[in-house]
Amino acid sequence: MIAVKAKKPLIIVGGLLVLFFVMSQPGGAAGMVHSILGMLQSAAESLITFVSTVFNA
């Protein structure tokens, strides 16, 4: 029960930390988002390559 009550304040604190980071270092935040999106793109391309190889073989 304690974990459920602590979840909402932790989410709020985490959101405030992200907001502070974005406001204090917008270039760094943009770089991080760009890096994360690049990793997701690479993972998606790898998955597409795998699935197309499996079904074309």
Protein backbone atom coordinates (compact mmCIF):
# COMPACT_ATOMS: atom_id res chain seq x y z
CA MET A 1 0.00 0.00 0.00
CA ILE A 2 2.90 2.34 0.70
CA ALA A 3 4.32 1.79 -2.78
CA VAL A 4 1.04 2.89 -4.35
CA LYS A 5 0.95 6.09 -2.29
CA ALA A 6 4.59 6.86 -3.11
CA LYS A 7 4.14 6.37 -6.84
CA LYS A 8 2.33 9.65 -7.57
CA PRO A 9 4.83 11.91 -5.75
CA LEU A 10 7.74 10.12 -7.41
CA ILE A 11 6.18 10.69 -10.84
CA ILE A 12 5.68 14.38 -10.02
CA VAL A 13 9.27 14.76 -8.78
CA GLY A 14 10.58 12.95 -11.86
CA GLY A 15 8.56 15.22 -14.12
CA LEU A 16 9.86 18.30 -12.34
CA LEU A 17 13.44 17.09 -12.72
CA VAL A 18 12.92 16.55 -16.45
CA LEU A 19 11.36 20.00 -16.76
CA PHE A 20 14.30 21.56 -14.88
CA PHE A 21 16.78 19.77 -17.14
CA VAL A 22 14.97 20.93 -20.28
CA MET A 23 14.81 24.53 -19.05
CA SER A 24 18.38 24.71 -17.79
CA GLN A 25 20.07 22.82 -20.64
CA PRO A 26 17.82 22.80 -23.72
CA GLY A 27 20.68 21.83 -26.04
CA GLY A 28 21.57 18.83 -23.90
CA ALA A 29 17.94 17.79 -23.65
CA ALA A 30 17.52 18.06 -27.43
CA GLY A 31 20.67 16.00 -27.95
CA MET A 32 19.38 13.33 -25.59
CA VAL A 33 16.02 13.15 -27.37
CA HIS A 34 17.79 12.96 -30.74
CA SER A 35 19.99 10.14 -29.45
CA ILE A 36 17.02 8.19 -28.06
CA LEU A 37 15.11 8.57 -31.33
CA GLY A 38 18.17 7.41 -33.26
CA MET A 39 18.41 4.28 -31.12
CA LEU A 40 14.70 3.57 -31.61
CA GLN A 41 15.09 4.02 -35.37
CA SER A 42 18.03 1.63 -35.44
CA ALA A 43 16.13 -0.95 -33.40
CA ALA A 44 13.10 -0.70 -35.69
CA GLU A 45 15.26 -1.09 -38.81
CA SER A 46 16.95 -4.14 -37.29
CA LEU A 47 13.59 -5.69 -36.46
CA ILE A 48 12.31 -5.03 -39.98
CA THR A 49 15.45 -6.62 -41.46
CA PHE A 50 15.04 -9.68 -39.22
CA VAL A 51 11.36 -10.18 -40.01
CA SER A 52 11.85 -9.69 -43.75
CA THR A 53 14.75 -12.18 -43.70
CA VAL A 54 12.67 -14.77 -41.83
CA PHE A 55 9.70 -14.52 -44.17
CA ASN A 56 11.72 -14.28 -47.39
CA ALA A 57 13.93 -17.27 -46.57
